[in-house]
Amino acid sequence: MAERYAMVTRAERDQILLSAWQRGLTVKQAAKETGMALVTVRSFEARHGCAFIAETARAEKMAARLREALAQGVTVAAAVRELGISRRDIAVFEARSGLSLPRARRGVSADHPSVRARHAENAERIPRMEALYRAGYSLETIAADYGISRERVRQLLKKYTETTRRDGGVAVQAAVRAARVRASREAACLRRYGCTVDQMKEIRRIGGGTNRIVRTYQSQRGNAKTRGIEWRMTFWEWWTIWQQSGHWQRRGRGQGYVMCRQGDEGPYAVGNVFIATAAENSSNQRGRKSDLPMGVTATKSGRFAAHRMIGGRVRGLGTHDTPAQAHAAYLMAGSGNPAGGGGNLRDLRPDLLDKPRRQRAGVASVDPVQRQAVPIA
C-alpha cells in the first residue's frame, strides 16, 4: 500500500484522504487504509480543515447501529454483510455492552429425514450402550463395537442417560475385582480358622494387634500331635470354648486354667473338652485306667473313695458304698466352679481339714444329697 501512494502527487493524496474522510474513517483507519503516515493524515486535516472522526465517536456510532440491528433481530452474519462491521468489532461491542447478537443456526431442520434417522439410531443403540457400560464394558470396547470414537460414546451417555463414570466401565470392573478378592479372603479364612475376616480382626484386637492367640492355638494343636492325640477343632471352635469358660485371661499351667479332655481320653473335639485348672486336670487323671467315674477310686476294703483338687491341694471327700455316691460327692465339690475348678471343702467336710489325709479313710462318708453322715458298715 505504501508503494502504491509513494509516487502520487500531493493533490492526488489529498483526494484519497478526502474520500476516507467522507466515509467516516478515523485517523488511524485512514492511515492504515491508504498506507500513509499519521503525520501526513494530520497535515491534510490542518490544510483543509477536515477533521477525521474520533475513535470514541466512531465507537459510539457503531454501538448505536448495532443496538438498532439487535432490536431488529439481525444476526451477526447479517450485520457483517449489511452494515460492513467486522466480527471483531461486534465481539468488542458485545463484551463492553453485555449484549449479544443472535447467531444463525447451522444444520438442517429436525424434520429432515437424516435427523430423524439419526434419532432413531440413537434410540436403538443408546440403551444397549448404557447396559454394556453398567455391565463393566469400557468405553473403548463399546466404541469399537459401534465403529465410533470413545469420546462419542461418552458424549451420548452423558447427553441421553444419567450414567456417570462411577456407574460403569472400569469402576464396575474394579468393584467386581474387589468383591472377588473379599470372597477369596473370606473363604480362605473360613477354611483355615473357621471364622470370618471380621471375627479374626476382633481376635487380633483382643490379642493386642498380634497373632498371639492364633499362635497359642497352633502350639496346643502341635503339642497334641506330638503326644499322638487327635485334634478335631478349628481355631474358632477352640476360641469359643475358651470365651464361654470366662478363664482366657487366667490361662496357663500351674494355678492357671487349661483345656482338658473328658477322662483324659479321646480326641480334642467339641463335646469332649472342658476348661479346668492344671492341678484339677492332673488330679482327675489319677485312677482313670479303671472304669470308675472321674474323681473316684476303689479302696482295698471294697468301698469307693472320692477326691478332688481344691485350692491347689488334693482333698479327700470320704469313702462311699457305691461309685455313684462317690462321684456325686466329687461333682458337689466342684459345683462352686462351672469350669470344674473345685468347691469349698470346708462346706462339705469341715472335720476333715484338721486331719491328715491317711486318717480320713475311716471317717464316715457324706451323702451328697442329704449331707448326712453315713456310718461305715
Protein backbone atom coordinates (compact mmCIF):
# COMPACT_ATOMS: atom_id res chain seq x y z
CA MET A 1 0.00 0.00 0.00
CA ALA A 2 2.83 2.38 0.84
CA GLU A 3 4.42 1.76 -2.58
CA ARG A 4 1.04 2.44 -4.21
CA TYR A 5 0.92 6.05 -3.00
CA ALA A 6 4.65 6.74 -2.97
CA MET A 7 4.77 8.27 -6.46
CA VAL A 8 1.46 10.23 -6.41
CA THR A 9 1.31 13.98 -6.13
CA ARG A 10 0.04 15.91 -3.13
CA ALA A 11 -3.21 16.69 -4.92
CA GLU A 12 -3.82 13.01 -5.53
CA ARG A 13 -3.03 12.17 -1.88
CA ASP A 14 -5.42 14.85 -0.72
CA GLN A 15 -8.13 13.42 -2.97
CA ILE A 16 -7.59 9.94 -1.46
CA LEU A 17 -7.71 11.25 2.10
CA LEU A 18 -10.79 13.32 1.32
CA SER A 19 -12.56 10.13 0.24
CA ALA A 20 -11.55 8.43 3.51
CA TRP A 21 -12.84 11.41 5.48
CA GLN A 22 -16.16 11.30 3.68
CA ARG A 23 -16.56 7.60 4.58
CA GLY A 24 -16.24 8.41 8.29
CA LEU A 25 -12.92 6.79 8.98
CA THR A 26 -10.72 7.65 11.94
CA VAL A 27 -7.16 8.95 11.59
CA LYS A 28 -5.72 5.53 12.29
CA GLN A 29 -8.08 3.81 9.90
CA ALA A 30 -7.32 6.31 7.15
CA ALA A 31 -3.56 5.92 7.65
CA LYS A 32 -3.85 2.16 7.63
CA GLU A 33 -6.05 2.02 4.56
CA THR A 34 -4.02 4.48 2.48
CA GLY A 35 -0.62 3.42 3.71
CA MET A 36 0.26 6.98 4.66
CA ALA A 37 1.90 8.14 7.84
CA LEU A 38 -0.20 9.60 10.64
CA VAL A 39 1.64 12.92 10.23
CA THR A 40 0.56 13.07 6.56
CA VAL A 41 -3.09 12.50 7.52
CA ARG A 42 -2.97 15.17 10.23
CA SER A 43 -1.26 17.58 7.81
CA PHE A 44 -4.22 17.06 5.47
CA GLU A 45 -6.61 17.86 8.34
CA ALA A 46 -4.74 21.10 9.11
CA ARG A 47 -4.59 22.28 5.47
CA HIS A 48 -8.19 21.52 4.52
CA GLY A 49 -9.99 21.77 7.91
CA CYS A 50 -11.36 18.27 7.55
CA ALA A 51 -11.22 16.56 10.99
CA PHE A 52 -11.43 12.79 10.89
CA ILE A 53 -13.90 11.19 13.29
CA ALA A 54 -12.54 10.43 16.77
CA GLU A 55 -12.20 6.85 17.99
CA THR A 56 -14.75 7.34 20.76
CA ALA A 57 -17.24 8.92 18.40
CA ARG A 58 -16.82 6.09 15.93
CA ALA A 59 -17.33 3.52 18.67
CA GLU A 60 -20.49 5.28 19.83
CA LYS A 61 -21.80 5.44 16.28
CA MET A 62 -21.08 1.75 15.70
CA ALA A 63 -22.69 0.83 19.01
CA ALA A 64 -25.85 2.73 18.05
CA ARG A 65 -26.04 0.90 14.75
CA LEU A 66 -25.53 -2.47 16.44
CA ARG A 67 -28.22 -1.76 19.04
CA GLU A 68 -30.62 -0.92 16.25
CA ALA A 69 -29.66 -4.13 14.44
CA LEU A 70 -30.16 -6.10 17.67
CA ALA A 71 -33.65 -4.64 18.06
CA GLN A 72 -34.47 -5.78 14.55
CA GLY A 73 -33.15 -9.30 15.21
CA VAL A 74 -30.26 -9.01 12.78
CA THR A 75 -27.77 -11.85 13.14
CA VAL A 76 -24.01 -11.45 13.37
CA ALA A 77 -23.53 -12.67 9.81
CA ALA A 78 -26.15 -10.18 8.51
CA ALA A 79 -24.52 -7.31 10.44
CA VAL A 80 -21.17 -8.11 8.90
CA ARG A 81 -22.69 -8.39 5.45
CA GLU A 82 -25.12 -5.43 5.51
CA LEU A 83 -23.54 -2.92 7.93
CA GLY A 84 -19.93 -3.51 6.98
CA ILE A 85 -18.88 -4.07 10.60
CA SER A 86 -16.23 -6.67 11.27
CA ARG A 87 -16.83 -9.63 13.55
CA ARG A 88 -14.05 -8.34 15.80
CA ASP A 89 -15.84 -5.02 16.32
CA ILE A 90 -19.08 -6.87 17.03
CA ALA A 91 -17.28 -9.05 19.62
CA VAL A 92 -15.85 -5.91 21.28
CA PHE A 93 -19.31 -4.33 21.34
CA GLU A 94 -20.84 -7.45 22.94
CA ALA A 95 -18.08 -7.63 25.58
CA ARG A 96 -18.46 -3.96 26.54
CA SER A 97 -22.24 -3.71 26.43
CA GLY A 98 -23.14 -7.15 27.76
CA LEU A 99 -25.50 -7.63 24.78
CA SER A 100 -25.36 -10.44 22.27
CA LEU A 101 -26.49 -10.54 18.68
CA PRO A 102 -28.20 -13.75 17.61
CA ARG A 103 -26.23 -16.33 15.68
CA ALA A 104 -27.54 -18.04 12.63
CA ARG A 105 -28.40 -21.69 13.32
CA ARG A 106 -26.43 -24.17 11.39
CA GLY A 107 -27.53 -27.57 10.20
CA VAL A 108 -30.80 -28.92 8.93
CA SER A 109 -34.29 -28.95 10.38
CA ALA A 110 -35.34 -31.52 12.96
CA ASP A 111 -37.85 -32.84 10.47
CA HIS A 112 -35.19 -33.65 7.93
CA PRO A 113 -35.03 -37.38 7.12
CA SER A 114 -31.36 -37.62 8.09
CA VAL A 115 -32.08 -36.10 11.51
CA ARG A 116 -35.00 -38.48 12.09
CA ALA A 117 -32.81 -41.42 11.09
CA ARG A 118 -30.08 -40.35 13.50
CA HIS A 119 -32.59 -40.04 16.35
CA ALA A 120 -33.98 -43.48 15.57
CA GLU A 121 -30.48 -44.94 15.57
CA ASN A 122 -29.68 -43.32 18.92
CA ALA A 123 -32.94 -44.58 20.42
CA GLU A 124 -31.88 -48.10 19.48
CA ARG A 125 -28.20 -48.09 20.43
CA ILE A 126 -28.03 -45.81 23.48
CA PRO A 127 -29.97 -48.19 25.81
CA ARG A 128 -27.63 -51.00 24.78
CA MET A 129 -24.61 -48.74 25.28
CA GLU A 130 -25.80 -47.90 28.77
CA ALA A 131 -26.43 -51.58 29.59
CA LEU A 132 -22.96 -52.56 28.37
CA TYR A 133 -21.32 -49.71 30.26
CA ARG A 134 -23.12 -50.59 33.52
CA ALA A 135 -22.13 -54.22 32.99
CA GLY A 136 -18.47 -53.22 33.14
CA TYR A 137 -17.54 -52.82 29.48
CA SER A 138 -15.12 -49.96 28.85
CA LEU A 139 -15.83 -47.02 26.58
CA GLU A 140 -13.17 -48.29 24.16
CA THR A 141 -14.89 -51.67 23.84
CA ILE A 142 -18.30 -50.12 23.23
CA ALA A 143 -16.86 -47.64 20.72
CA ALA A 144 -15.17 -50.43 18.77
CA ASP A 145 -18.48 -52.32 18.62
CA TYR A 146 -20.29 -49.37 17.03
CA GLY A 147 -17.41 -48.04 14.97
CA ILE A 148 -17.31 -44.65 16.69
CA SER A 149 -14.84 -42.95 18.99
CA ARG A 150 -14.58 -43.43 22.74
CA GLU A 151 -15.35 -39.75 23.26
CA ARG A 152 -18.53 -40.02 21.19
CA VAL A 153 -19.78 -42.87 23.36
CA ARG A 154 -19.11 -40.77 26.46
CA GLN A 155 -20.97 -37.82 24.93
CA LEU A 156 -24.01 -39.94 24.06
CA LEU A 157 -24.19 -41.49 27.51
CA LYS A 158 -23.87 -38.08 29.15
CA LYS A 159 -26.49 -36.46 26.91
CA TYR A 160 -29.18 -39.14 26.89
CA THR A 161 -28.66 -41.01 30.18
CA GLU A 162 -27.79 -40.26 33.78
CA THR A 163 -24.82 -42.62 33.75
CA THR A 164 -21.62 -41.33 35.34
CA ARG A 165 -18.13 -42.75 35.35
CA ARG A 166 -18.80 -44.30 38.76
CA ASP A 167 -21.75 -46.31 37.42
CA GLY A 168 -19.95 -48.44 34.86
CA GLY A 169 -16.84 -49.21 32.90
CA VAL A 170 -13.62 -49.56 34.85
CA ALA A 171 -15.40 -48.61 38.10
CA VAL A 172 -17.59 -51.71 37.83
CA GLN A 173 -14.58 -53.82 36.90
CA ALA A 174 -12.74 -52.58 39.99
CA ALA A 175 -15.77 -53.31 42.18
CA VAL A 176 -16.02 -56.85 40.78
CA ARG A 177 -12.33 -57.46 41.40
CA ALA A 178 -12.62 -56.12 44.96
CA ALA A 179 -15.64 -58.35 45.65
CA ARG A 180 -13.77 -61.36 44.25
CA VAL A 181 -10.78 -60.62 46.48
CA ARG A 182 -13.04 -60.23 49.54
CA ALA A 183 -14.81 -63.51 48.80
CA SER A 184 -11.47 -65.27 48.35
CA ARG A 185 -10.20 -63.90 51.66
CA GLU A 186 -13.40 -64.92 53.45
CA ALA A 187 -13.21 -68.44 52.03
CA ALA A 188 -9.54 -68.78 52.96
CA CYS A 189 -10.19 -67.51 56.49
CA LEU A 190 -13.17 -69.82 56.93
CA ARG A 191 -11.19 -72.78 55.63
CA ARG A 192 -8.15 -72.07 57.81
CA TYR A 193 -9.65 -70.67 61.01
CA GLY A 194 -13.36 -71.50 60.83
CA CYS A 195 -14.45 -67.85 61.13
CA THR A 196 -14.87 -64.68 59.08
CA VAL A 197 -12.28 -62.00 58.40
CA ASP A 198 -14.07 -59.54 60.71
CA GLN A 199 -14.02 -62.09 63.53
CA MET A 200 -10.29 -62.60 63.02
CA LYS A 201 -9.75 -58.84 63.17
CA GLU A 202 -11.56 -58.74 66.51
CA ILE A 203 -9.43 -61.62 67.83
CA ARG A 204 -6.25 -59.82 66.77
CA ARG A 205 -7.51 -56.71 68.55
CA ILE A 206 -8.02 -58.74 71.74
CA GLY A 207 -4.52 -60.14 71.29
CA GLY A 208 -3.00 -56.65 71.24
CA GLY A 209 -2.88 -56.35 67.45
CA THR A 210 -0.80 -59.52 67.02
CA ASN A 211 -1.42 -63.20 66.22
CA ARG A 212 -0.64 -64.24 69.78
CA ILE A 213 -3.96 -66.05 70.23
CA VAL A 214 -3.57 -67.90 66.92
CA ARG A 215 -0.04 -68.95 67.85
CA THR A 216 -1.37 -70.28 71.17
CA TYR A 217 -3.91 -72.41 69.33
CA GLN A 218 -1.25 -73.69 66.93
CA SER A 219 1.05 -74.51 69.83
CA GLN A 220 -1.60 -76.57 71.64
CA ARG A 221 -2.56 -78.36 68.45
CA GLY A 222 1.12 -79.15 67.78
CA ASN A 223 1.57 -80.49 71.32
CA ALA A 224 -1.45 -82.75 70.88
CA LYS A 225 0.01 -84.09 67.65
CA THR A 226 3.33 -84.72 69.37
CA ARG A 227 1.52 -86.69 72.09
CA GLY A 228 -0.35 -88.70 69.46
CA ILE A 229 -3.76 -87.21 70.34
CA GLU A 230 -6.20 -86.48 67.53
CA TRP A 231 -7.26 -82.87 67.07
CA ARG A 232 -10.75 -82.16 65.69
CA MET A 233 -11.33 -78.48 66.45
CA THR A 234 -11.00 -75.43 64.28
CA PHE A 235 -9.48 -72.30 65.68
CA TRP A 236 -12.89 -70.68 66.08
CA GLU A 237 -14.32 -73.68 67.97
CA TRP A 238 -11.28 -73.68 70.24
CA TRP A 239 -11.58 -69.96 70.86
CA THR A 240 -15.36 -70.20 71.51
CA ILE A 241 -14.80 -72.79 74.24
CA TRP A 242 -12.27 -70.54 75.93
CA GLN A 243 -14.50 -67.48 75.65
CA GLN A 244 -17.51 -69.31 77.10
CA SER A 245 -15.44 -70.52 80.05
CA GLY A 246 -14.50 -66.96 81.01
CA HIS A 247 -10.99 -68.07 82.01
CA TRP A 248 -8.93 -66.98 78.99
CA GLN A 249 -7.14 -64.25 80.93
CA ARG A 250 -6.14 -66.81 83.60
CA ARG A 251 -4.99 -69.43 81.15
CA GLY A 252 -1.70 -71.22 81.89
CA ARG A 253 -0.07 -74.08 83.70
CA GLY A 254 0.37 -74.31 87.44
CA GLN A 255 -2.50 -72.43 89.08
CA GLY A 256 -3.92 -71.34 85.70
CA TYR A 257 -6.60 -72.89 83.55
CA VAL A 258 -6.05 -75.38 80.73
CA MET A 259 -8.17 -77.27 78.21
CA CYS A 260 -8.84 -80.82 79.39
CA ARG A 261 -10.36 -83.92 77.82
CA GLN A 262 -13.17 -85.85 79.44
CA GLY A 263 -11.46 -88.65 81.33
CA ASP A 264 -8.23 -87.72 79.53
CA GLU A 265 -9.45 -89.90 76.66
CA GLY A 266 -10.48 -89.38 73.07
CA PRO A 267 -9.61 -86.52 70.74
CA TYR A 268 -9.63 -82.81 71.34
CA ALA A 269 -13.10 -82.16 69.97
CA VAL A 270 -16.18 -80.14 70.81
CA GLY A 271 -18.13 -82.00 73.48
CA ASN A 272 -15.05 -83.89 74.73
CA VAL A 273 -13.15 -80.97 76.24
CA PHE A 274 -13.69 -78.62 79.16
CA ILE A 275 -11.75 -75.87 80.91
CA ALA A 276 -10.27 -76.53 84.36
CA THR A 277 -7.18 -75.70 86.36
CA ALA A 278 -3.96 -77.50 85.54
CA ALA A 279 -3.89 -79.02 89.05
CA GLU A 280 -7.51 -80.17 88.71
CA ASN A 281 -6.70 -81.78 85.39
CA SER A 282 -3.73 -83.64 86.91
CA SER A 283 -5.72 -84.93 89.87
CA ASN A 284 -8.61 -86.08 87.74
CA GLN A 285 -6.28 -88.19 85.62
CA ARG A 286 -5.35 -90.43 88.54
CA GLY A 287 -7.00 -93.80 88.54
CA ARG A 288 -8.52 -93.28 85.10
CA LYS A 289 -7.28 -96.65 83.91
CA SER A 290 -10.35 -98.20 85.51
CA ASP A 291 -13.99 -97.81 84.54
CA LEU A 292 -14.80 -95.77 87.63
CA PRO A 293 -16.21 -92.26 87.25
CA MET A 294 -13.93 -89.25 87.44
CA GLY A 295 -12.68 -88.44 90.92
CA VAL A 296 -13.44 -91.95 92.25
CA THR A 297 -11.00 -94.70 93.21
CA ALA A 298 -11.57 -98.15 94.69
CA THR A 299 -10.16 -98.93 98.13
CA LYS A 300 -8.85 -102.27 99.39
CA SER A 301 -11.88 -102.62 101.62
CA GLY A 302 -14.18 -102.67 98.62
CA ARG A 303 -15.52 -99.17 99.11
CA PHE A 304 -15.02 -96.16 96.87
CA ALA A 305 -13.11 -93.03 97.82
CA ALA A 306 -13.87 -89.59 96.35
CA HIS A 307 -11.17 -86.93 95.97
CA ARG A 308 -10.81 -83.64 94.16
CA MET A 309 -8.25 -80.87 93.71
CA ILE A 310 -9.48 -77.92 95.80
CA GLY A 311 -7.47 -74.79 96.44
CA GLY A 312 -4.38 -76.28 94.86
CA ARG A 313 -4.42 -79.40 97.06
CA VAL A 314 -5.97 -82.83 96.63
CA ARG A 315 -8.80 -83.14 99.11
CA GLY A 316 -10.34 -86.46 100.12
CA LEU A 317 -14.14 -86.46 100.18
CA GLY A 318 -14.60 -89.68 102.15
CA THR A 319 -15.45 -93.24 101.17
CA HIS A 320 -18.79 -94.39 99.86
CA ASP A 321 -20.68 -97.59 99.27
CA THR A 322 -21.12 -97.13 95.53
CA PRO A 323 -19.20 -95.38 92.75
CA ALA A 324 -22.29 -93.23 92.08
CA GLN A 325 -22.25 -91.81 95.61
CA ALA A 326 -18.52 -91.11 95.39
CA HIS A 327 -18.91 -89.40 92.03
CA ALA A 328 -21.81 -87.32 93.36
CA ALA A 329 -19.54 -86.07 96.14
CA TYR A 330 -16.91 -85.24 93.54
CA LEU A 331 -19.40 -83.27 91.49
CA MET A 332 -20.76 -81.44 94.52
CA ALA A 333 -17.26 -80.38 95.48
CA GLY A 334 -16.92 -78.74 92.08
CA SER A 335 -20.39 -77.17 91.99
CA GLY A 336 -18.98 -73.82 93.07
CA ASN A 337 -16.98 -73.55 89.84
CA PRO A 338 -18.72 -74.10 86.48
CA ALA A 339 -15.40 -74.76 84.82
CA GLY A 340 -14.61 -77.60 87.21
CA GLY A 341 -12.19 -75.76 89.42
CA GLY A 342 -13.31 -77.37 92.67
CA GLY A 343 -15.61 -76.38 95.52
CA ASN A 344 -15.13 -75.46 99.17
CA LEU A 345 -14.16 -78.44 101.31
CA ARG A 346 -15.00 -76.53 104.50
CA ASP A 347 -18.69 -76.55 103.48
CA LEU A 348 -18.61 -80.27 102.74
CA ARG A 349 -16.45 -81.85 105.47
CA PRO A 350 -15.07 -79.30 107.91
CA ASP A 351 -13.98 -82.16 110.19
CA LEU A 352 -11.51 -83.40 107.52
CA LEU A 353 -9.49 -80.22 107.29
CA ASP A 354 -7.73 -80.83 110.60
CA LYS A 355 -6.82 -84.48 109.95
CA PRO A 356 -4.03 -85.92 107.84
CA ARG A 357 -5.12 -87.46 104.59
CA ARG A 358 -4.18 -91.01 105.62
CA GLN A 359 -6.53 -90.75 108.64
CA ARG A 360 -9.57 -89.79 106.59
CA ALA A 361 -10.24 -93.23 105.14
CA GLY A 362 -12.10 -94.47 108.22
CA VAL A 363 -14.28 -91.40 108.59
CA ALA A 364 -17.92 -91.81 107.78
CA SER A 365 -18.85 -90.74 104.27
CA VAL A 366 -21.14 -87.89 103.36
CA ASP A 367 -24.35 -88.36 101.45
CA PRO A 368 -24.09 -85.65 98.76
CA VAL A 369 -27.87 -85.26 98.62
CA GLN A 370 -28.89 -85.23 102.28
CA ARG A 371 -25.47 -84.07 103.59
CA GLN A 372 -25.83 -86.52 106.47
CA ALA A 373 -23.16 -88.86 107.77
CA VAL A 374 -23.47 -92.40 106.51
CA PRO A 375 -21.94 -94.87 109.04
CA ILE A 376 -19.33 -97.28 107.79
CA ALA A 377 -20.54 -100.88 107.68
